[in-house]
Amino acid sequence: MTVKNEDIVKRLLFVAHRVPFPPDKGERLRAFHEIQALSQQFDVTVAAMSHNREDMESVAGLREFCRKILVAPAAGATGLIRGGISLLTGGSVTERYFHSRRLRKMIISEARREPFDLVMCYSSGTLPFGLAVPAPVRIIDIVDIDSAKWASYADSTWWPKNWLYRRESAAVARLERQAVERCDAALLVSDAESAAMGSGGDKVFAVSNGVDLDFFRPDTVAPTDLGSSSLVFTGTMDYRPNVEAVCWFVREVWPELKHRIPELTFMIVGRNPTRAVRQLAKTPGVNVTGSVPDVRPYLAAAGVAICPLQMARGVQNKVLEAMAMGKAVVASSAALEGLEAEVGEDLLKADTPDEWRRHILKLLTDGELRDRLGRTARKCVENKYNWATRMEPLVSLCQRLIQSKAEGAVR
């Protein structure tokens, strides 16, 4: 435990849909840093679902920040079946997939043993757990507007998938509205996501992501042997937006780049590559790594980091990490939404194949420009994306809400 002042400690329950450790991918990264920051002022209990053996083994990494950790196995295939039935009957896959009767019982039992002062739910799918626990204050971190993500999926696919995606979008939108109505505050990852919520008024707050500036820095690791004529994309490679991004790039942009610079290589770095991603490795110059112990050597070695997402929600951690590593970054408009960086100064933006080719060729042939963008990118994240600074509003909000409820009870 790292609570600073035992005299003012309040009990906080943090409910996550996945074990938030290790902080090596988006959904775990933000939750972990929230827990880390909250543990400085609160007595934190974490409740989460484990989805595999690695999750259970990872729990130990949270003990430094928590007094207690409650973990129950996720339903797996049963959860998907329940989710499918829920979707067909007007509910959401999200809510039923992340349902766990066992975890709910564990949470309620712990609350009866010693009441919580605040419950924080991470993602809309955990709302039912938070509502089941009696507590003066409830906060939910919705993170991204998932209903908008499902709507985007529907717009980019055919029947019957588009019909299923639209039903999920509508059901999740109802869940998101309920979250705002039933909680004292709702968090989103950016002002753009907050605006997209469209309701909630003064109960909705934007709390952005950060980046570990000590871990992601140019001088922390030796680069792999790629040379400056290389591009890199990092991300979980069974996540649909990532899959579509690299497939689009290899199809629409890569052939001309490879023709212009024959020695050029493109590294696709990340766990669980789908069959479509693995097939890209058959393209000359394209390499698919699969899971790697550390993405930093690949970022350090690359001439340019790219993020050609065609659809995206929230703040892209992959962009922040590349910037922190001092890399020149080219990203799509979708990938830059919600990011506080100046296009042309901190990074470059490209959407059409021609824009992508032009920016990448310029960076690969102009070392001075490439180095300058890398330096300004690093300075940008140093100034704006320190995790401790980014989490201060969350800690203050929790303290303020608890104090407000206590004062109201006295009156």
Protein backbone atom coordinates (compact mmCIF):
# COMPACT_ATOMS: atom_id res chain seq x y z
CA MET A 1 0.00 0.00 0.00
CA THR A 2 1.18 3.53 -0.77
CA VAL A 3 -1.47 5.68 0.96
CA LYS A 4 0.26 8.78 2.26
CA ASN A 5 -1.95 9.78 5.18
CA GLU A 6 -3.58 6.98 7.17
CA ASP A 7 -5.64 9.54 9.15
CA ILE A 8 -7.72 10.56 6.13
CA VAL A 9 -7.79 7.28 4.23
CA LYS A 10 -11.06 6.35 2.53
CA ARG A 11 -11.96 2.94 1.11
CA LEU A 12 -12.19 2.81 -2.67
CA LEU A 13 -13.37 -0.13 -4.78
CA PHE A 14 -12.00 -0.19 -8.33
CA VAL A 15 -13.91 -2.60 -10.62
CA ALA A 16 -12.24 -3.60 -13.91
CA HIS A 17 -13.44 -5.90 -16.67
CA ARG A 18 -9.90 -7.34 -16.98
CA VAL A 19 -6.97 -7.66 -14.57
CA PRO A 20 -5.24 -4.28 -15.07
CA PHE A 21 -1.69 -5.62 -15.10
CA PRO A 22 0.79 -5.63 -16.73
CA PRO A 23 0.22 -2.15 -18.18
CA ASP A 24 1.23 -3.16 -21.69
CA LYS A 25 -1.93 -2.47 -23.70
CA GLY A 26 -4.52 0.27 -23.79
CA GLU A 27 -7.29 -1.16 -21.61
CA ARG A 28 -4.85 -2.23 -18.88
CA LEU A 29 -2.56 0.79 -19.17
CA ARG A 30 -5.09 3.46 -18.23
CA ALA A 31 -6.69 1.38 -15.47
CA PHE A 32 -3.31 0.59 -13.92
CA HIS A 33 -2.25 4.24 -13.78
CA GLU A 34 -5.60 5.21 -12.29
CA ILE A 35 -5.11 2.62 -9.55
CA GLN A 36 -1.52 3.74 -8.99
CA ALA A 37 -2.56 7.39 -8.61
CA LEU A 38 -5.59 6.64 -6.42
CA SER A 39 -3.51 4.44 -4.11
CA GLN A 40 -1.58 7.54 -3.02
CA GLN A 41 -4.70 8.87 -1.27
CA PHE A 42 -7.12 5.94 -0.87
CA ASP A 43 -7.24 2.43 0.53
CA VAL A 44 -7.85 0.63 -2.77
CA THR A 45 -9.50 -2.73 -3.34
CA VAL A 46 -9.44 -3.99 -6.94
CA ALA A 47 -12.11 -6.33 -8.29
CA ALA A 48 -11.52 -7.78 -11.75
CA MET A 49 -12.18 -10.71 -14.05
CA SER A 50 -9.42 -12.99 -15.26
CA HIS A 51 -9.65 -14.19 -18.85
CA ASN A 52 -6.71 -16.61 -18.87
CA ARG A 53 -3.94 -18.07 -16.74
CA GLU A 54 -1.66 -15.11 -17.46
CA ASP A 55 -4.24 -12.79 -15.85
CA MET A 56 -4.17 -14.81 -12.64
CA GLU A 57 -0.38 -14.75 -12.61
CA SER A 58 -0.36 -10.99 -13.20
CA VAL A 59 -2.42 -10.17 -10.12
CA ALA A 60 0.71 -10.04 -7.96
CA GLY A 61 1.87 -6.93 -9.83
CA LEU A 62 -1.01 -4.94 -8.31
CA ARG A 63 -0.36 -5.79 -4.67
CA GLU A 64 1.94 -2.82 -4.15
CA PHE A 65 -1.00 -0.51 -4.77
CA CYS A 66 -3.94 -2.41 -3.25
CA ARG A 67 -4.96 -3.64 0.18
CA LYS A 68 -7.03 -6.41 -1.38
CA ILE A 69 -7.60 -7.89 -4.84
CA LEU A 70 -10.76 -9.80 -5.73
CA VAL A 71 -10.53 -11.89 -8.88
CA ALA A 72 -13.02 -14.25 -10.50
CA PRO A 73 -12.72 -16.07 -13.82
CA ALA A 74 -14.58 -14.63 -16.80
CA ALA A 75 -17.25 -16.74 -18.44
CA GLY A 76 -15.35 -17.16 -21.73
CA ALA A 77 -17.43 -18.93 -24.38
CA THR A 78 -20.43 -19.03 -22.01
CA GLY A 79 -20.21 -15.27 -21.73
CA LEU A 80 -20.29 -14.92 -25.49
CA ILE A 81 -23.40 -17.12 -25.68
CA ARG A 82 -25.05 -15.06 -22.94
CA GLY A 83 -24.04 -11.91 -24.78
CA GLY A 84 -25.53 -13.17 -28.03
CA ILE A 85 -28.84 -13.98 -26.33
CA SER A 86 -28.79 -10.57 -24.67
CA LEU A 87 -28.24 -8.86 -28.03
CA LEU A 88 -31.18 -10.67 -29.61
CA THR A 89 -33.46 -9.73 -26.71
CA GLY A 90 -32.58 -6.02 -26.66
CA GLY A 91 -29.58 -5.99 -24.32
CA SER A 92 -25.87 -5.69 -25.09
CA VAL A 93 -23.19 -8.31 -25.59
CA THR A 94 -20.85 -6.08 -23.58
CA GLU A 95 -22.85 -6.17 -20.35
CA ARG A 96 -23.59 -9.90 -20.36
CA TYR A 97 -20.14 -10.97 -21.52
CA PHE A 98 -18.56 -9.19 -18.56
CA HIS A 99 -21.11 -10.53 -16.08
CA SER A 100 -19.80 -12.69 -13.23
CA ARG A 101 -22.09 -13.87 -10.46
CA ARG A 102 -19.05 -15.00 -8.47
CA LEU A 103 -17.30 -11.63 -8.65
CA ARG A 104 -20.53 -9.85 -7.73
CA LYS A 105 -20.87 -11.99 -4.60
CA MET A 106 -17.24 -11.34 -3.67
CA ILE A 107 -17.71 -7.58 -4.02
CA ILE A 108 -20.92 -7.50 -1.99
CA SER A 109 -19.38 -9.67 0.73
CA GLU A 110 -16.37 -7.34 0.97
CA ALA A 111 -18.64 -4.27 1.15
CA ARG A 112 -20.63 -5.84 3.98
CA ARG A 113 -17.43 -6.64 5.86
CA GLU A 114 -16.26 -3.03 5.61
CA PRO A 115 -18.21 -0.44 3.58
CA PHE A 116 -16.64 1.46 0.72
CA ASP A 117 -16.62 5.25 0.53
CA LEU A 118 -16.34 5.27 -3.25
CA VAL A 119 -16.84 2.79 -6.08
CA MET A 120 -15.10 3.38 -9.41
CA CYS A 121 -16.12 1.31 -12.44
CA TYR A 122 -13.77 0.97 -15.38
CA SER A 123 -15.74 0.70 -18.66
CA SER A 124 -19.50 0.64 -19.10
CA GLY A 125 -19.60 -3.17 -18.91
CA THR A 126 -18.72 -3.08 -15.18
CA LEU A 127 -21.57 -0.72 -14.25
CA PRO A 128 -23.81 -3.51 -12.83
CA PHE A 129 -21.07 -4.40 -10.31
CA GLY A 130 -20.79 -0.80 -9.20
CA LEU A 131 -24.53 -0.39 -8.79
CA ALA A 132 -24.72 -3.56 -6.68
CA VAL A 133 -22.48 -2.10 -3.98
CA PRO A 134 -23.89 0.43 -1.49
CA ALA A 135 -21.55 3.44 -1.48
CA PRO A 136 -21.98 7.20 -1.08
CA VAL A 137 -20.07 7.97 -4.29
CA ARG A 138 -19.94 6.22 -7.66
CA ILE A 139 -17.67 7.14 -10.58
CA ILE A 140 -17.40 5.43 -13.94
CA ASP A 141 -14.59 5.70 -16.45
CA ILE A 142 -16.33 5.07 -19.76
CA VAL A 143 -12.97 5.79 -21.48
CA ASP A 144 -14.22 5.78 -25.09
CA ILE A 145 -17.72 5.97 -26.51
CA ASP A 146 -17.98 2.29 -27.41
CA SER A 147 -21.43 2.77 -28.91
CA ALA A 148 -19.83 5.02 -31.54
CA LYS A 149 -17.19 2.36 -32.21
CA TRP A 150 -19.87 -0.27 -32.88
CA ALA A 151 -21.70 2.19 -35.13
CA SER A 152 -18.48 2.71 -37.10
CA TYR A 153 -18.13 -1.04 -37.49
CA ALA A 154 -21.69 -1.21 -38.80
CA ASP A 155 -20.95 1.49 -41.37
CA SER A 156 -17.97 -0.41 -42.72
CA THR A 157 -19.39 -3.92 -43.10
CA TRP A 158 -22.26 -5.82 -44.69
CA TRP A 159 -25.33 -7.69 -43.52
CA PRO A 160 -25.74 -9.53 -41.22
CA LYS A 161 -22.77 -8.14 -39.29
CA ASN A 162 -23.86 -4.55 -39.77
CA TRP A 163 -27.27 -5.39 -38.26
CA LEU A 164 -25.62 -6.99 -35.21
CA TYR A 165 -23.22 -4.07 -34.81
CA ARG A 166 -26.07 -1.55 -34.95
CA ARG A 167 -28.00 -3.43 -32.28
CA GLU A 168 -24.90 -3.54 -30.07
CA SER A 169 -24.32 0.18 -30.68
CA ALA A 170 -27.85 1.05 -29.59
CA ALA A 171 -27.70 -1.23 -26.53
CA VAL A 172 -24.31 0.09 -25.42
CA ALA A 173 -25.51 3.67 -25.92
CA ARG A 174 -28.33 2.96 -23.46
CA LEU A 175 -25.80 1.50 -21.03
CA GLU A 176 -23.58 4.59 -21.38
CA ARG A 177 -26.53 6.90 -20.71
CA GLN A 178 -27.47 4.85 -17.67
CA ALA A 179 -23.89 5.08 -16.43
CA VAL A 180 -23.99 8.88 -16.56
CA GLU A 181 -27.42 9.00 -14.92
CA ARG A 182 -26.65 6.57 -12.08
CA CYS A 183 -23.13 7.72 -11.23
CA ASP A 184 -21.94 10.92 -9.60
CA ALA A 185 -19.34 11.48 -12.34
CA ALA A 186 -18.35 9.93 -15.66
CA LEU A 187 -14.88 10.12 -17.19
CA LEU A 188 -13.87 10.04 -20.84
CA VAL A 189 -10.41 10.02 -22.36
CA SER A 190 -10.66 13.31 -24.29
CA ASP A 191 -12.75 16.42 -24.85
CA ALA A 192 -13.78 14.97 -28.21
CA GLU A 193 -15.16 11.85 -26.51
CA SER A 194 -16.92 13.98 -23.91
CA ALA A 195 -18.57 16.01 -26.66
CA ALA A 196 -19.58 12.80 -28.43
CA MET A 197 -21.42 11.68 -25.29
CA GLY A 198 -23.89 14.49 -25.94
CA SER A 199 -25.38 14.45 -22.44
CA GLY A 200 -24.43 14.49 -18.79
CA GLY A 201 -23.61 18.16 -18.40
CA ASP A 202 -21.34 18.89 -15.44
CA LYS A 203 -21.13 15.20 -14.50
CA VAL A 204 -18.90 14.35 -17.49
CA PHE A 205 -15.15 15.00 -17.26
CA ALA A 206 -12.28 14.50 -19.70
CA VAL A 207 -9.22 12.82 -18.16
CA SER A 208 -6.65 12.01 -20.81
CA ASN A 209 -4.06 9.25 -20.97
CA GLY A 210 -0.38 9.76 -20.35
CA VAL A 211 2.82 7.93 -21.19
CA ASP A 212 5.56 6.50 -18.97
CA LEU A 213 8.31 8.96 -19.82
CA ASP A 214 10.99 7.06 -17.91
CA PHE A 215 10.22 3.76 -19.64
CA PHE A 216 9.65 5.16 -23.13
CA ARG A 217 12.69 7.30 -23.79
CA PRO A 218 15.28 7.17 -26.59
CA ASP A 219 18.22 6.20 -24.40
CA THR A 220 16.62 3.29 -22.49
CA VAL A 221 17.22 0.43 -24.93
CA ALA A 222 19.49 -0.60 -27.76
CA PRO A 223 17.66 -0.54 -31.10
CA THR A 224 17.19 -3.67 -33.16
CA ASP A 225 19.20 -3.84 -36.37
CA LEU A 226 16.71 -2.29 -38.78
CA GLY A 227 18.40 0.87 -39.99
CA SER A 228 16.82 4.24 -40.67
CA SER A 229 14.99 2.96 -43.77
CA SER A 230 12.26 1.28 -41.79
CA LEU A 231 8.71 1.95 -40.68
CA VAL A 232 7.06 0.58 -37.53
CA PHE A 233 3.48 0.10 -36.34
CA THR A 234 2.81 -1.18 -32.82
CA GLY A 235 -0.42 -2.50 -31.38
CA THR A 236 -2.51 -5.51 -30.48
CA MET A 237 -2.91 -7.20 -33.83
CA ASP A 238 -6.26 -8.89 -33.34
CA TYR A 239 -7.93 -5.54 -32.65
CA ARG A 240 -10.02 -4.70 -35.69
CA PRO A 241 -8.95 -1.04 -36.20
CA ASN A 242 -5.27 -2.09 -36.04
CA VAL A 243 -5.82 -4.95 -38.47
CA GLU A 244 -7.65 -2.75 -40.95
CA ALA A 245 -5.00 -0.03 -40.60
CA VAL A 246 -2.01 -2.18 -41.54
CA CYS A 247 -3.91 -4.03 -44.28
CA TRP A 248 -4.96 -0.72 -45.84
CA PHE A 249 -1.43 0.66 -45.61
CA VAL A 250 0.20 -2.38 -47.22
CA ARG A 251 -2.40 -2.41 -49.97
CA GLU A 252 -2.63 1.31 -50.76
CA VAL A 253 0.66 2.91 -49.72
CA TRP A 254 3.40 0.32 -49.40
CA PRO A 255 3.98 -0.80 -53.04
CA GLU A 256 5.07 2.63 -54.25
CA LEU A 257 7.21 3.25 -51.16
CA LYS A 258 8.98 -0.07 -51.64
CA HIS A 259 9.52 0.72 -55.31
CA ARG A 260 11.05 4.11 -54.46
CA ILE A 261 13.23 2.76 -51.60
CA PRO A 262 13.98 -0.94 -52.29
CA GLU A 263 15.71 -1.49 -48.94
CA LEU A 264 12.71 -0.15 -46.99
CA THR A 265 11.13 -2.46 -44.38
CA PHE A 266 7.82 -2.26 -42.51
CA MET A 267 7.67 -3.84 -39.05
CA ILE A 268 4.22 -4.74 -37.68
CA VAL A 269 4.85 -5.31 -33.99
CA GLY A 270 2.25 -6.71 -31.61
CA ARG A 271 0.60 -9.74 -30.08
CA ASN A 272 -2.01 -12.04 -31.61
CA PRO A 273 -1.76 -11.16 -35.31
CA THR A 274 -4.81 -12.36 -37.21
CA ARG A 275 -4.55 -14.47 -40.33
CA ALA A 276 -5.03 -11.33 -42.45
CA VAL A 277 -2.08 -9.68 -40.69
CA ARG A 278 0.13 -12.76 -40.93
CA GLN A 279 -0.58 -12.90 -44.67
CA LEU A 280 0.98 -9.44 -45.00
CA ALA A 281 4.37 -10.98 -44.22
CA LYS A 282 4.29 -12.50 -47.71
CA THR A 283 4.63 -8.97 -49.11
CA PRO A 284 8.28 -8.07 -49.81
CA GLY A 285 9.70 -5.92 -47.04
CA VAL A 286 6.83 -6.45 -44.60
CA ASN A 287 7.61 -8.24 -41.31
CA VAL A 288 5.06 -9.40 -38.72
CA THR A 289 6.68 -10.07 -35.34
CA GLY A 290 3.81 -11.34 -33.24
CA SER A 291 4.22 -10.90 -29.49
CA VAL A 292 7.51 -9.35 -28.40
CA PRO A 293 8.85 -8.85 -24.85
CA ASP A 294 9.47 -5.15 -25.45
CA VAL A 295 8.34 -2.85 -28.28
CA ARG A 296 10.95 -0.19 -27.49
CA PRO A 297 13.84 -1.71 -29.51
CA TYR A 298 11.63 -1.69 -32.60
CA LEU A 299 10.57 1.90 -32.01
CA ALA A 300 14.17 2.92 -31.32
CA ALA A 301 15.36 1.36 -34.58
CA ALA A 302 12.66 2.69 -36.89
CA GLY A 303 13.14 5.70 -39.11
CA VAL A 304 9.44 6.60 -38.89
CA ALA A 305 6.57 5.40 -36.68
CA ILE A 306 3.22 5.27 -38.44
CA CYS A 307 -0.40 5.03 -37.27
CA PRO A 308 -2.72 4.75 -40.30
CA LEU A 309 -5.93 4.01 -38.36
CA GLN A 310 -9.07 4.43 -40.44
CA MET A 311 -11.30 4.32 -37.37
CA ALA A 312 -10.25 5.18 -33.83
CA ARG A 313 -11.64 6.22 -30.46
CA GLY A 314 -9.97 8.22 -27.73
CA VAL A 315 -6.23 8.83 -27.38
CA GLN A 316 -3.86 6.44 -29.15
CA ASN A 317 -1.23 5.19 -26.70
CA LYS A 318 0.86 3.86 -29.59
CA VAL A 319 1.29 7.42 -30.87
CA LEU A 320 2.25 8.76 -27.43
CA GLU A 321 4.79 5.96 -26.95
CA ALA A 322 6.42 6.58 -30.33
CA MET A 323 6.60 10.31 -29.59
CA ALA A 324 8.13 9.60 -26.17
CA MET A 325 10.78 7.49 -27.91
CA GLY A 326 11.74 10.55 -29.95
CA LYS A 327 10.38 9.19 -33.22
CA ALA A 328 9.09 11.14 -36.18
CA VAL A 329 5.43 10.09 -36.38
CA VAL A 330 2.98 10.13 -39.26
CA ALA A 331 -0.62 9.47 -38.25
CA SER A 332 -4.10 9.64 -39.71
CA SER A 333 -6.72 12.19 -38.69
CA ALA A 334 -8.60 9.47 -36.82
CA ALA A 335 -5.49 8.55 -34.83
CA LEU A 336 -4.87 12.18 -33.88
CA GLU A 337 -8.37 12.95 -32.63
CA GLY A 338 -8.14 13.93 -28.97
CA LEU A 339 -4.36 14.29 -29.06
CA GLU A 340 -2.87 17.60 -27.90
CA ALA A 341 -0.10 17.81 -30.47
CA GLU A 342 0.60 20.34 -33.20
CA VAL A 343 0.52 18.91 -36.70
CA GLY A 344 3.61 19.99 -38.63
CA GLU A 345 5.51 20.75 -35.45
CA ASP A 346 5.21 17.64 -33.25
CA LEU A 347 4.17 15.10 -35.92
CA LEU A 348 2.72 14.85 -39.41
CA LYS A 349 -0.81 13.99 -40.54
CA ALA A 350 -1.74 11.91 -43.59
CA ASP A 351 -5.02 10.46 -44.83
CA THR A 352 -4.80 9.84 -48.57
CA PRO A 353 -2.26 7.35 -50.00
CA ASP A 354 -0.49 10.23 -51.72
CA GLU A 355 -0.14 12.16 -48.44
CA TRP A 356 1.24 9.07 -46.73
CA ARG A 357 3.83 8.45 -49.45
CA ARG A 358 4.87 12.10 -49.62
CA HIS A 359 5.39 12.53 -45.86
CA ILE A 360 7.17 9.21 -45.37
CA LEU A 361 9.51 9.71 -48.33
CA LYS A 362 10.34 13.21 -47.10
CA LEU A 363 11.16 11.97 -43.60
CA LEU A 364 13.23 9.03 -44.80
CA THR A 365 15.33 11.24 -47.07
CA ASP A 366 15.63 14.25 -44.77
CA GLY A 367 17.45 13.24 -41.61
CA GLU A 368 17.42 16.77 -40.21
CA LEU A 369 13.62 17.00 -40.45
CA ARG A 370 13.25 13.51 -39.01
CA ASP A 371 15.44 14.34 -36.02
CA ARG A 372 13.71 17.68 -35.42
CA LEU A 373 10.26 16.08 -35.38
CA GLY A 374 11.53 13.42 -32.99
CA ARG A 375 12.84 16.06 -30.59
CA THR A 376 9.66 18.14 -30.63
CA ALA A 377 7.56 14.99 -30.26
CA ARG A 378 9.46 14.04 -27.12
CA LYS A 379 9.15 17.56 -25.71
CA CYS A 380 5.41 17.55 -26.44
CA VAL A 381 4.74 14.45 -24.36
CA GLU A 382 7.10 15.62 -21.60
CA ASN A 383 5.09 18.84 -21.30
CA LYS A 384 1.59 17.41 -21.70
CA TYR A 385 1.43 13.66 -21.12
CA ASN A 386 3.08 12.84 -17.81
CA TRP A 387 0.89 10.19 -16.12
CA ALA A 388 1.09 11.79 -12.68
CA THR A 389 -0.10 15.12 -14.06
CA ARG A 390 -2.84 13.49 -16.13
CA MET A 391 -4.23 11.61 -13.11
CA GLU A 392 -4.34 14.60 -10.74
CA PRO A 393 -7.86 15.64 -11.85
CA LEU A 394 -9.16 12.13 -11.15
CA VAL A 395 -7.76 12.04 -7.61
CA SER A 396 -9.06 15.55 -6.91
CA LEU A 397 -12.50 14.66 -8.28
CA CYS A 398 -12.75 11.62 -6.01
CA GLN A 399 -11.74 13.63 -2.96
CA ARG A 400 -14.15 16.42 -3.83
CA LEU A 401 -17.12 14.10 -4.31
CA ILE A 402 -16.49 12.25 -1.05
CA GLN A 403 -16.20 15.53 0.84
CA SER A 404 -19.35 16.89 -0.79
CA LYS A 405 -21.36 13.78 0.13
CA ALA A 406 -20.05 13.90 3.71
CA GLU A 407 -21.02 17.54 4.08
CA GLY A 408 -24.45 16.83 2.65
CA ALA A 409 -24.96 14.01 5.14
CA VAL A 410 -24.07 16.31 8.05
CA ARG A 411 -26.66 18.85 6.96
